[in-house]
PDB file of all heavy atoms in Angstrom:
ATOM      1  N   LEU A   1     -28.996  69.716 110.137  1.00  0.00           N
ATOM      2  CA  LEU A   1     -27.817  70.147 110.890  1.00  0.00           C
ATOM      3  C   LEU A   1     -28.203  71.121 112.000  1.00  0.00           C
ATOM      4  O   LEU A   1     -27.649  71.075 113.103  1.00  0.00           O
ATOM      5  CB  LEU A   1     -26.799  70.787 109.939  1.00  0.00           C
ATOM      6  CG  LEU A   1     -25.506  71.281 110.570  1.00  0.00           C
ATOM      7  CD1 LEU A   1     -24.796  70.176 111.341  1.00  0.00           C
ATOM      8  CD2 LEU A   1     -24.582  71.862 109.498  1.00  0.00           C
ATOM      9  N   CYS A   2     -29.158  72.013 111.716  1.00  0.00           N
ATOM     10  CA  CYS A   2     -29.668  72.926 112.745  1.00  0.00           C
ATOM     11  C   CYS A   2     -30.257  72.141 113.912  1.00  0.00           C
ATOM     12  O   CYS A   2     -30.027  72.476 115.090  1.00  0.00           O
ATOM     13  CB  CYS A   2     -30.740  73.852 112.157  1.00  0.00           C
ATOM     14  SG  CYS A   2     -30.097  75.302 111.326  1.00  0.00           S
ATOM     15  N   SER A   3     -31.018  71.106 113.592  1.00  0.00           N
ATOM     16  CA  SER A   3     -31.600  70.267 114.637  1.00  0.00           C
ATOM     17  C   SER A   3     -30.510  69.595 115.456  1.00  0.00           C
ATOM     18  O   SER A   3     -30.612  69.499 116.693  1.00  0.00           O
ATOM     19  CB  SER A   3     -32.512  69.207 114.004  1.00  0.00           C
ATOM     20  OG  SER A   3     -33.044  68.331 114.979  1.00  0.00           O
ATOM     21  N   LEU A   4     -29.456  69.143 114.784  1.00  0.00           N
ATOM     22  CA  LEU A   4     -28.339  68.502 115.476  1.00  0.00           C
ATOM     23  C   LEU A   4     -27.640  69.480 116.416  1.00  0.00           C
ATOM     24  O   LEU A   4     -27.282  69.131 117.545  1.00  0.00           O
ATOM     25  CB  LEU A   4     -27.345  67.954 114.452  1.00  0.00           C
ATOM     26  CG  LEU A   4     -26.302  66.960 114.959  1.00  0.00           C
ATOM     27  CD1 LEU A   4     -26.953  65.619 115.280  1.00  0.00           C
ATOM     28  CD2 LEU A   4     -25.205  66.770 113.912  1.00  0.00           C
ATOM     29  N   CYS A   5     -27.466  70.718 115.955  1.00  0.00           N
ATOM     30  CA  CYS A   5     -26.809  71.737 116.785  1.00  0.00           C
ATOM     31  C   CYS A   5     -27.672  72.124 117.983  1.00  0.00           C
ATOM     32  O   CYS A   5     -27.162  72.302 119.096  1.00  0.00           O
ATOM     33  CB  CYS A   5     -26.494  72.971 115.944  1.00  0.00           C
ATOM     34  SG  CYS A   5     -25.172  72.723 114.745  1.00  0.00           S
ATOM     35  N   PHE A   6     -28.966  72.272 117.769  1.00  0.00           N
ATOM     36  CA  PHE A   6     -29.870  72.574 118.877  1.00  0.00           C
ATOM     37  C   PHE A   6     -29.850  71.449 119.910  1.00  0.00           C
ATOM     38  O   PHE A   6     -29.846  71.693 121.119  1.00  0.00           O
ATOM     39  CB  PHE A   6     -31.292  72.786 118.346  1.00  0.00           C
ATOM     40  CG  PHE A   6     -32.315  72.997 119.434  1.00  0.00           C
ATOM     41  CD1 PHE A   6     -32.398  74.219 120.099  1.00  0.00           C
ATOM     42  CD2 PHE A   6     -33.185  71.985 119.802  1.00  0.00           C
ATOM     43  CE1 PHE A   6     -33.323  74.416 121.108  1.00  0.00           C
ATOM     44  CE2 PHE A   6     -34.122  72.171 120.803  1.00  0.00           C
ATOM     45  CZ  PHE A   6     -34.191  73.390 121.468  1.00  0.00           C
ATOM     46  N   ASN A   7     -29.820  70.221 119.415  1.00  0.00           N
ATOM     47  CA  ASN A   7     -29.744  69.071 120.314  1.00  0.00           C
ATOM     48  C   ASN A   7     -28.444  69.092 121.110  1.00  0.00           C
ATOM     49  O   ASN A   7     -28.408  68.733 122.293  1.00  0.00           O
ATOM     50  CB  ASN A   7     -29.848  67.776 119.505  1.00  0.00           C
ATOM     51  CG  ASN A   7     -29.978  66.557 120.381  1.00  0.00           C
ATOM     52  OD1 ASN A   7     -30.807  66.498 121.281  1.00  0.00           O
ATOM     53  ND2 ASN A   7     -29.155  65.552 120.124  1.00  0.00           N
ATOM     54  N   GLY A   8     -27.362  69.511 120.471  1.00  0.00           N
ATOM     55  CA  GLY A   8     -26.080  69.618 121.156  1.00  0.00           C
ATOM     56  C   GLY A   8     -26.118  70.633 122.287  1.00  0.00           C
ATOM     57  O   GLY A   8     -25.538  70.408 123.363  1.00  0.00           O
ATOM     58  N   ILE A   9     -26.797  71.752 122.062  1.00  0.00           N
ATOM     59  CA  ILE A   9     -26.948  72.757 123.116  1.00  0.00           C
ATOM     60  C   ILE A   9     -27.734  72.185 124.290  1.00  0.00           C
ATOM     61  O   ILE A   9     -27.397  72.400 125.456  1.00  0.00           O
ATOM     62  CB  ILE A   9     -27.634  74.020 122.566  1.00  0.00           C
ATOM     63  CG1 ILE A   9     -26.733  74.709 121.542  1.00  0.00           C
ATOM     64  CG2 ILE A   9     -27.980  74.990 123.691  1.00  0.00           C
ATOM     65  CD1 ILE A   9     -27.368  75.908 120.868  1.00  0.00           C
ATOM     66  N   CYS A  10     -28.794  71.425 123.977  1.00  0.00           N
ATOM     67  CA  CYS A  10     -29.598  70.800 125.040  1.00  0.00           C
ATOM     68  C   CYS A  10     -28.764  69.815 125.840  1.00  0.00           C
ATOM     69  O   CYS A  10     -28.832  69.785 127.078  1.00  0.00           O
ATOM     70  CB  CYS A  10     -30.811  70.088 124.429  1.00  0.00           C
ATOM     71  SG  CYS A  10     -32.034  71.181 123.687  1.00  0.00           S
ATOM     72  N   GLY A  11     -27.970  68.999 125.147  1.00  0.00           N
ATOM     73  CA  GLY A  11     -27.137  68.024 125.835  1.00  0.00           C
ATOM     74  C   GLY A  11     -26.108  68.677 126.734  1.00  0.00           C
ATOM     75  O   GLY A  11     -25.929  68.281 127.892  1.00  0.00           O
ATOM     76  N   ALA A  12     -25.431  69.697 126.209  1.00  0.00           N
ATOM     77  CA  ALA A  12     -24.430  70.400 127.005  1.00  0.00           C
ATOM     78  C   ALA A  12     -25.070  71.111 128.195  1.00  0.00           C
ATOM     79  O   ALA A  12     -24.503  71.154 129.297  1.00  0.00           O
ATOM     80  CB  ALA A  12     -23.673  71.402 126.127  1.00  0.00           C
ATOM     81  N   SER A  13     -26.265  71.653 127.998  1.00  0.00           N
ATOM     82  CA  SER A  13     -26.945  72.398 129.063  1.00  0.00           C
ATOM     83  C   SER A  13     -27.501  71.481 130.146  1.00  0.00           C
ATOM     84  O   SER A  13     -27.813  71.948 131.251  1.00  0.00           O
ATOM     85  CB  SER A  13     -28.088  73.236 128.468  1.00  0.00           C
ATOM     86  OG  SER A  13     -27.579  74.204 127.562  1.00  0.00           O
ATOM     87  N   SER A  14     -27.622  70.194 129.859  1.00  0.00           N
ATOM     88  CA  SER A  14     -28.052  69.253 130.893  1.00  0.00           C
ATOM     89  C   SER A  14     -26.908  68.888 131.828  1.00  0.00           C
ATOM     90  O   SER A  14     -27.128  68.311 132.899  1.00  0.00           O
ATOM     91  CB  SER A  14     -28.590  67.967 130.239  1.00  0.00           C
ATOM     92  OG  SER A  14     -27.534  67.192 129.687  1.00  0.00           O
ATOM     93  N   PHE A  15     -25.691  69.241 131.424  1.00  0.00           N
ATOM     94  CA  PHE A  15     -24.508  68.820 132.170  1.00  0.00           C
ATOM     95  C   PHE A  15     -23.721  69.976 132.792  1.00  0.00           C
ATOM     96  O   PHE A  15     -23.427  69.982 133.997  1.00  0.00           O
ATOM     97  CB  PHE A  15     -23.593  68.016 131.229  1.00  0.00           C
ATOM     98  CG  PHE A  15     -22.227  67.747 131.771  1.00  0.00           C
ATOM     99  CD1 PHE A  15     -22.047  66.879 132.839  1.00  0.00           C
ATOM    100  CD2 PHE A  15     -21.107  68.357 131.215  1.00  0.00           C
ATOM    101  CE1 PHE A  15     -20.776  66.628 133.347  1.00  0.00           C
ATOM    102  CE2 PHE A  15     -19.842  68.113 131.703  1.00  0.00           C
ATOM    103  CZ  PHE A  15     -19.669  67.246 132.776  1.00  0.00           C
ATOM    104  N   TYR A  16     -23.404  70.992 131.990  1.00  0.00           N
ATOM    105  CA  TYR A  16     -22.495  72.047 132.445  1.00  0.00           C
ATOM    106  C   TYR A  16     -23.013  72.894 133.606  1.00  0.00           C
ATOM    107  O   TYR A  16     -22.262  73.144 134.562  1.00  0.00           O
ATOM    108  CB  TYR A  16     -22.130  72.959 131.269  1.00  0.00           C
ATOM    109  CG  TYR A  16     -21.033  72.417 130.387  1.00  0.00           C
ATOM    110  CD1 TYR A  16     -21.306  71.974 129.105  1.00  0.00           C
ATOM    111  CD2 TYR A  16     -19.722  72.357 130.843  1.00  0.00           C
ATOM    112  CE1 TYR A  16     -20.302  71.478 128.287  1.00  0.00           C
ATOM    113  CE2 TYR A  16     -18.706  71.866 130.027  1.00  0.00           C
ATOM    114  CZ  TYR A  16     -19.004  71.429 128.746  1.00  0.00           C
ATOM    115  OH  TYR A  16     -18.014  70.937 127.942  1.00  0.00           O
ATOM    116  N   PRO A  17     -24.268  73.391 133.584  1.00  0.00           N
ATOM    117  CA  PRO A  17     -24.708  74.257 134.689  1.00  0.00           C
ATOM    118  C   PRO A  17     -24.586  73.608 136.059  1.00  0.00           C
ATOM    119  O   PRO A  17     -24.118  74.239 137.016  1.00  0.00           O
ATOM    120  CB  PRO A  17     -26.170  74.562 134.329  1.00  0.00           C
ATOM    121  CG  PRO A  17     -26.217  74.456 132.851  1.00  0.00           C
ATOM    122  CD  PRO A  17     -25.286  73.335 132.508  1.00  0.00           C
ATOM    123  N   LYS A  18     -24.989  72.353 136.174  1.00  0.00           N
ATOM    124  CA  LYS A  18     -24.869  71.646 137.449  1.00  0.00           C
ATOM    125  C   LYS A  18     -23.411  71.437 137.823  1.00  0.00           C
ATOM    126  O   LYS A  18     -23.023  71.593 138.997  1.00  0.00           O
ATOM    127  CB  LYS A  18     -25.607  70.304 137.358  1.00  0.00           C
ATOM    128  CG  LYS A  18     -25.454  69.389 138.580  1.00  0.00           C
ATOM    129  CD  LYS A  18     -25.938  70.056 139.860  1.00  0.00           C
ATOM    130  CE  LYS A  18     -25.797  69.105 141.041  1.00  0.00           C
ATOM    131  NZ  LYS A  18     -26.037  69.794 142.333  1.00  0.00           N
ATOM    132  N   LEU A  19     -22.592  71.094 136.844  1.00  0.00           N
ATOM    133  CA  LEU A  19     -21.163  70.910 137.108  1.00  0.00           C
ATOM    134  C   LEU A  19     -20.523  72.209 137.592  1.00  0.00           C
ATOM    135  O   LEU A  19     -19.750  72.210 138.563  1.00  0.00           O
ATOM    136  CB  LEU A  19     -20.458  70.428 135.832  1.00  0.00           C
ATOM    137  CG  LEU A  19     -18.926  70.315 135.923  1.00  0.00           C
ATOM    138  CD1 LEU A  19     -18.514  69.239 136.924  1.00  0.00           C
ATOM    139  CD2 LEU A  19     -18.330  70.021 134.537  1.00  0.00           C
ATOM    140  N   LEU A  20     -20.832  73.323 136.940  1.00  0.00           N
ATOM    141  CA  LEU A  20     -20.276  74.615 137.332  1.00  0.00           C
ATOM    142  C   LEU A  20     -20.711  74.991 138.746  1.00  0.00           C
ATOM    143  O   LEU A  20     -19.913  75.525 139.530  1.00  0.00           O
ATOM    144  CB  LEU A  20     -20.711  75.691 136.329  1.00  0.00           C
ATOM    145  CG  LEU A  20     -20.130  75.556 134.912  1.00  0.00           C
ATOM    146  CD1 LEU A  20     -20.813  76.529 133.961  1.00  0.00           C
ATOM    147  CD2 LEU A  20     -18.622  75.808 134.927  1.00  0.00           C
ATOM    148  N   HIS A  21     -21.962  74.718 139.066  1.00  0.00           N
ATOM    149  CA  HIS A  21     -22.461  74.995 140.417  1.00  0.00           C
ATOM    150  C   HIS A  21     -21.715  74.163 141.450  1.00  0.00           C
ATOM    151  O   HIS A  21     -21.300  74.668 142.511  1.00  0.00           O
ATOM    152  CB  HIS A  21     -23.962  74.705 140.479  1.00  0.00           C
ATOM    153  CG  HIS A  21     -24.537  74.828 141.851  1.00  0.00           C
ATOM    154  ND1 HIS A  21     -24.605  73.743 142.729  1.00  0.00           N
ATOM    155  CD2 HIS A  21     -25.059  75.891 142.533  1.00  0.00           C
ATOM    156  CE1 HIS A  21     -25.144  74.134 143.869  1.00  0.00           C
ATOM    157  NE2 HIS A  21     -25.442  75.427 143.776  1.00  0.00           N
ATOM    158  N   ASP A  22     -21.505  72.878 141.160  1.00  0.00           N
ATOM    159  CA  ASP A  22     -20.837  71.991 142.112  1.00  0.00           C
ATOM    160  C   ASP A  22     -19.368  72.356 142.307  1.00  0.00           C
ATOM    161  O   ASP A  22     -18.800  72.146 143.378  1.00  0.00           O
ATOM    162  CB  ASP A  22     -20.946  70.537 141.650  1.00  0.00           C
ATOM    163  CG  ASP A  22     -22.342  69.979 141.842  1.00  0.00           C
ATOM    164  OD1 ASP A  22     -23.154  70.630 142.535  1.00  0.00           O
ATOM    165  OD2 ASP A  22     -22.635  68.896 141.291  1.00  0.00           O
ATOM    166  N   LEU A  23     -18.750  72.911 141.263  1.00  0.00           N
ATOM    167  CA  LEU A  23     -17.350  73.313 141.380  1.00  0.00           C
ATOM    168  C   LEU A  23     -17.172  74.528 142.280  1.00  0.00           C
ATOM    169  O   LEU A  23     -16.068  74.808 142.743  1.00  0.00           O
ATOM    170  CB  LEU A  23     -16.762  73.605 139.993  1.00  0.00           C
ATOM    171  CG  LEU A  23     -16.502  72.375 139.111  1.00  0.00           C
ATOM    172  CD1 LEU A  23     -16.133  72.802 137.697  1.00  0.00           C
ATOM    173  CD2 LEU A  23     -15.392  71.509 139.701  1.00  0.00           C
ATOM    174  N   LEU A  24     -18.260  75.250 142.541  1.00  0.00           N
ATOM    175  CA  LEU A  24     -18.191  76.437 143.392  1.00  0.00           C
ATOM    176  C   LEU A  24     -18.682  76.170 144.808  1.00  0.00           C
ATOM    177  O   LEU A  24     -18.627  77.066 145.653  1.00  0.00           O
ATOM    178  CB  LEU A  24     -19.021  77.572 142.781  1.00  0.00           C
ATOM    179  CG  LEU A  24     -18.525  78.148 141.448  1.00  0.00           C
ATOM    180  CD1 LEU A  24     -19.480  79.224 140.958  1.00  0.00           C
ATOM    181  CD2 LEU A  24     -17.118  78.710 141.591  1.00  0.00           C
ATOM    182  N   THR A  25     -19.168  74.962 145.064  1.00  0.00           N
ATOM    183  CA  THR A  25     -19.703  74.646 146.389  1.00  0.00           C
ATOM    184  C   THR A  25     -19.016  73.414 146.962  1.00  0.00           C
ATOM    185  O   THR A  25     -18.382  72.630 146.238  1.00  0.00           O
ATOM    186  CB  THR A  25     -21.224  74.381 146.327  1.00  0.00           C
ATOM    187  OG1 THR A  25     -21.457  73.252 145.469  1.00  0.00           O
ATOM    188  CG2 THR A  25     -21.960  75.593 145.800  1.00  0.00           C
ATOM    189  N   ASN A  26     -19.156  73.238 148.258  1.00  0.00           N
ATOM    190  CA  ASN A  26     -18.593  72.068 148.927  1.00  0.00           C
ATOM    191  C   ASN A  26     -19.577  70.912 149.008  1.00  0.00           C
ATOM    192  O   ASN A  26     -19.200  69.780 149.304  1.00  0.00           O
ATOM    193  CB  ASN A  26     -18.150  72.442 150.349  1.00  0.00           C
ATOM    194  CG  ASN A  26     -17.002  73.435 150.352  1.00  0.00           C
ATOM    195  OD1 ASN A  26     -16.086  73.324 149.543  1.00  0.00           O
ATOM    196  ND2 ASN A  26     -17.057  74.420 151.239  1.00  0.00           N
ATOM    197  N   SER A  27     -20.848  71.195 148.755  1.00  0.00           N
ATOM    198  CA  SER A  27     -21.893  70.174 148.849  1.00  0.00           C
ATOM    199  C   SER A  27     -22.373  69.822 147.446  1.00  0.00           C
ATOM    200  O   SER A  27     -23.008  70.637 146.771  1.00  0.00           O
ATOM    201  CB  SER A  27     -23.068  70.689 149.689  1.00  0.00           C
ATOM    202  OG  SER A  27     -24.093  69.732 149.757  1.00  0.00           O
ATOM    203  N   HIS A  28     -22.059  68.611 147.003  1.00  0.00           N
ATOM    204  CA  HIS A  28     -22.410  68.180 145.659  1.00  0.00           C
ATOM    205  C   HIS A  28     -23.650  67.294 145.728  1.00  0.00           C
ATOM    206  O   HIS A  28     -23.557  66.059 145.700  1.00  0.00           O
ATOM    207  CB  HIS A  28     -21.244  67.425 145.024  1.00  0.00           C
ATOM    208  CG  HIS A  28     -19.947  68.160 145.106  1.00  0.00           C
ATOM    209  ND1 HIS A  28     -18.742  67.546 145.347  1.00  0.00           N
ATOM    210  CD2 HIS A  28     -19.685  69.484 145.020  1.00  0.00           C
ATOM    211  CE1 HIS A  28     -17.785  68.450 145.384  1.00  0.00           C
ATOM    212  NE2 HIS A  28     -18.340  69.635 145.181  1.00  0.00           N
ATOM    213  N   VAL A  29     -24.799  67.927 145.822  1.00  0.00           N
ATOM    214  CA  VAL A  29     -26.049  67.193 145.982  1.00  0.00           C
ATOM    215  C   VAL A  29     -27.024  67.601 144.879  1.00  0.00           C
ATOM    216  O   VAL A  29     -26.876  68.657 144.251  1.00  0.00           O
ATOM    217  CB  VAL A  29     -26.686  67.447 147.363  1.00  0.00           C
ATOM    218  CG1 VAL A  29     -25.769  66.934 148.472  1.00  0.00           C
ATOM    219  CG2 VAL A  29     -26.994  68.933 147.547  1.00  0.00           C
ATOM    220  N   ILE A  30     -28.033  66.738 144.676  1.00  0.00           N
ATOM    221  CA  ILE A  30     -29.078  67.021 143.704  1.00  0.00           C
ATOM    222  C   ILE A  30     -30.351  66.333 144.172  1.00  0.00           C
ATOM    223  O   ILE A  30     -30.312  65.200 144.656  1.00  0.00           O
ATOM    224  CB  ILE A  30     -28.674  66.518 142.294  1.00  0.00           C
ATOM    225  CG1 ILE A  30     -29.730  66.914 141.254  1.00  0.00           C
ATOM    226  CG2 ILE A  30     -28.431  65.018 142.277  1.00  0.00           C
ATOM    227  CD1 ILE A  30     -29.280  66.667 139.818  1.00  0.00           C
ATOM    228  N   THR A  31     -31.465  67.032 144.073  1.00  0.00           N
ATOM    229  CA  THR A  31     -32.731  66.461 144.520  1.00  0.00           C
ATOM    230  C   THR A  31     -33.184  65.350 143.574  1.00  0.00           C
ATOM    231  O   THR A  31     -32.701  65.255 142.433  1.00  0.00           O
ATOM    232  CB  THR A  31     -33.823  67.539 144.594  1.00  0.00           C
ATOM    233  OG1 THR A  31     -34.064  68.057 143.276  1.00  0.00           O
ATOM    234  CG2 THR A  31     -33.408  68.673 145.526  1.00  0.00           C
ATOM    235  N   TYR A  32     -34.106  64.548 144.050  1.00  0.00           N
ATOM    236  CA  TYR A  32     -34.612  63.423 143.256  1.00  0.00           C
ATOM    237  C   TYR A  32     -35.252  63.912 141.955  1.00  0.00           C
ATOM    238  O   TYR A  32     -34.979  63.383 140.875  1.00  0.00           O
ATOM    239  CB  TYR A  32     -35.623  62.632 144.094  1.00  0.00           C
ATOM    240  CG  TYR A  32     -36.247  61.467 143.365  1.00  0.00           C
ATOM    241  CD1 TYR A  32     -35.537  60.282 143.178  1.00  0.00           C
ATOM    242  CD2 TYR A  32     -37.550  61.546 142.875  1.00  0.00           C
ATOM    243  CE1 TYR A  32     -36.111  59.215 142.510  1.00  0.00           C
ATOM    244  CE2 TYR A  32     -38.132  60.481 142.223  1.00  0.00           C
ATOM    245  CZ  TYR A  32     -37.410  59.311 142.038  1.00  0.00           C
ATOM    246  OH  TYR A  32     -37.974  58.253 141.376  1.00  0.00           O
ATOM    247  N   SER A  33     -36.094  64.935 142.049  1.00  0.00           N
ATOM    248  CA  SER A  33     -36.775  65.458 140.849  1.00  0.00           C
ATOM    249  C   SER A  33     -35.778  66.084 139.880  1.00  0.00           C
ATOM    250  O   SER A  33     -35.904  65.925 138.658  1.00  0.00           O
ATOM    251  CB  SER A  33     -37.850  66.472 141.245  1.00  0.00           C
ATOM    252  OG  SER A  33     -37.291  67.540 141.982  1.00  0.00           O
ATOM    253  N   ALA A  34     -34.784  66.798 140.415  1.00  0.00           N
ATOM    254  CA  ALA A  34     -33.772  67.410 139.550  1.00  0.00           C
ATOM    255  C   ALA A  34     -32.934  66.337 138.871  1.00  0.00           C
ATOM    256  O   ALA A  34     -32.529  66.489 137.710  1.00  0.00           O
ATOM    257  CB  ALA A  34     -32.885  68.343 140.358  1.00  0.00           C
ATOM    258  N   CYS A  35     -32.664  65.252 139.575  1.00  0.00           N
ATOM    259  CA  CYS A  35     -31.899  64.140 139.007  1.00  0.00           C
ATOM    260  C   CYS A  35     -32.662  63.505 137.855  1.00  0.00           C
ATOM    261  O   CYS A  35     -32.100  63.244 136.787  1.00  0.00           O
ATOM    262  CB  CYS A  35     -31.600  63.106 140.095  1.00  0.00           C
ATOM    263  SG  CYS A  35     -30.567  61.728 139.554  1.00  0.00           S
ATOM    264  N   LEU A  36     -33.957  63.260 138.059  1.00  0.00           N
ATOM    265  CA  LEU A  36     -34.780  62.709 136.978  1.00  0.00           C
ATOM    266  C   LEU A  36     -34.837  63.668 135.794  1.00  0.00           C
ATOM    267  O   LEU A  36     -34.811  63.246 134.631  1.00  0.00           O
ATOM    268  CB  LEU A  36     -36.189  62.411 137.488  1.00  0.00           C
ATOM    269  CG  LEU A  36     -36.361  61.238 138.455  1.00  0.00           C
ATOM    270  CD1 LEU A  36     -37.835  61.072 138.823  1.00  0.00           C
ATOM    271  CD2 LEU A  36     -35.820  59.946 137.867  1.00  0.00           C
ATOM    272  N   GLY A  37     -34.932  64.968 136.085  1.00  0.00           N
ATOM    273  CA  GLY A  37     -34.958  65.964 135.018  1.00  0.00           C
ATOM    274  C   GLY A  37     -33.663  65.965 134.219  1.00  0.00           C
ATOM    275  O   GLY A  37     -33.681  66.041 132.979  1.00  0.00           O
ATOM    276  N   GLN A  38     -32.529  65.903 134.915  1.00  0.00           N
ATOM    277  CA  GLN A  38     -31.245  65.857 134.229  1.00  0.00           C
ATOM    278  C   GLN A  38     -31.131  64.598 133.372  1.00  0.00           C
ATOM    279  O   GLN A  38     -30.662  64.651 132.228  1.00  0.00           O
ATOM    280  CB  GLN A  38     -30.099  65.895 135.238  1.00  0.00           C
ATOM    281  CG  GLN A  38     -28.716  65.978 134.588  1.00  0.00           C
ATOM    282  CD  GLN A  38     -27.596  66.033 135.606  1.00  0.00           C
ATOM    283  OE1 GLN A  38     -27.502  65.179 136.485  1.00  0.00           O
ATOM    284  NE2 GLN A  38     -26.737  67.038 135.488  1.00  0.00           N
ATOM    285  N   MET A  39     -31.574  63.480 133.910  1.00  0.00           N
ATOM    286  CA  MET A  39     -31.566  62.231 133.157  1.00  0.00           C
ATOM    287  C   MET A  39     -32.444  62.329 131.915  1.00  0.00           C
ATOM    288  O   MET A  39     -32.052  61.872 130.830  1.00  0.00           O
ATOM    289  CB  MET A  39     -32.042  61.075 134.048  1.00  0.00           C
ATOM    290  CG  MET A  39     -31.045  60.609 135.075  1.00  0.00           C
ATOM    291  SD  MET A  39     -31.792  59.571 136.362  1.00  0.00           S
ATOM    292  CE  MET A  39     -32.875  58.525 135.411  1.00  0.00           C
ATOM    293  N   PHE A  40     -33.620  62.933 132.049  1.00  0.00           N
ATOM    294  CA  PHE A  40     -34.544  63.033 130.918  1.00  0.00           C
ATOM    295  C   PHE A  40     -33.920  63.833 129.777  1.00  0.00           C
ATOM    296  O   PHE A  40     -33.958  63.415 128.614  1.00  0.00           O
ATOM    297  CB  PHE A  40     -35.853  63.681 131.358  1.00  0.00           C
ATOM    298  CG  PHE A  40     -36.886  63.752 130.272  1.00  0.00           C
ATOM    299  CD1 PHE A  40     -37.722  62.670 130.034  1.00  0.00           C
ATOM    300  CD2 PHE A  40     -37.013  64.875 129.472  1.00  0.00           C
ATOM    301  CE1 PHE A  40     -38.675  62.715 129.017  1.00  0.00           C
ATOM    302  CE2 PHE A  40     -37.953  64.935 128.463  1.00  0.00           C
ATOM    303  CZ  PHE A  40     -38.785  63.846 128.222  1.00  0.00           C
ATOM    304  N   VAL A  41     -33.335  64.984 130.105  1.00  0.00           N
ATOM    305  CA  VAL A  41     -32.721  65.823 129.063  1.00  0.00           C
ATOM    306  C   VAL A  41     -31.513  65.129 128.454  1.00  0.00           C
ATOM    307  O   VAL A  41     -31.311  65.141 127.232  1.00  0.00           O
ATOM    308  CB  VAL A  41     -32.328  67.201 129.638  1.00  0.00           C
ATOM    309  CG1 VAL A  41     -31.645  68.042 128.566  1.00  0.00           C
ATOM    310  CG2 VAL A  41     -33.549  67.930 130.176  1.00  0.00           C
ATOM    311  N   THR A  42     -30.699  64.492 129.300  1.00  0.00           N
ATOM    312  CA  THR A  42     -29.493  63.825 128.823  1.00  0.00           C
ATOM    313  C   THR A  42     -29.812  62.697 127.848  1.00  0.00           C
ATOM    314  O   THR A  42     -29.225  62.606 126.759  1.00  0.00           O
ATOM    315  CB  THR A  42     -28.679  63.257 130.004  1.00  0.00           C
ATOM    316  OG1 THR A  42     -28.294  64.320 130.867  1.00  0.00           O
ATOM    317  CG2 THR A  42     -27.434  62.542 129.516  1.00  0.00           C
ATOM    318  N   TYR A  43     -30.767  61.835 128.223  1.00  0.00           N
ATOM    319  CA  TYR A  43     -31.083  60.705 127.354  1.00  0.00           C
ATOM    320  C   TYR A  43     -31.901  61.119 126.138  1.00  0.00           C
ATOM    321  O   TYR A  43     -31.809  60.475 125.082  1.00  0.00           O
ATOM    322  CB  TYR A  43     -31.794  59.612 128.159  1.00  0.00           C
ATOM    323  CG  TYR A  43     -30.837  58.887 129.084  1.00  0.00           C
ATOM    324  CD1 TYR A  43     -30.779  59.197 130.438  1.00  0.00           C
ATOM    325  CD2 TYR A  43     -29.962  57.935 128.592  1.00  0.00           C
ATOM    326  CE1 TYR A  43     -29.874  58.566 131.286  1.00  0.00           C
ATOM    327  CE2 TYR A  43     -29.061  57.290 129.429  1.00  0.00           C
ATOM    328  CZ  TYR A  43     -29.026  57.607 130.775  1.00  0.00           C
ATOM    329  OH  TYR A  43     -28.120  56.979 131.599  1.00  0.00           O
TER     330      TYR A  43
END
């Protein structure tokens, strides 16, 4: 269960920080390397 919870934190952290940043800016962009990194953590 601890492993499941840690995994949940990783999954949420792959999504929320970028979303929060985009909600505060007018330019919703992401670099190629950052996109691959987000995909890697998400999957």
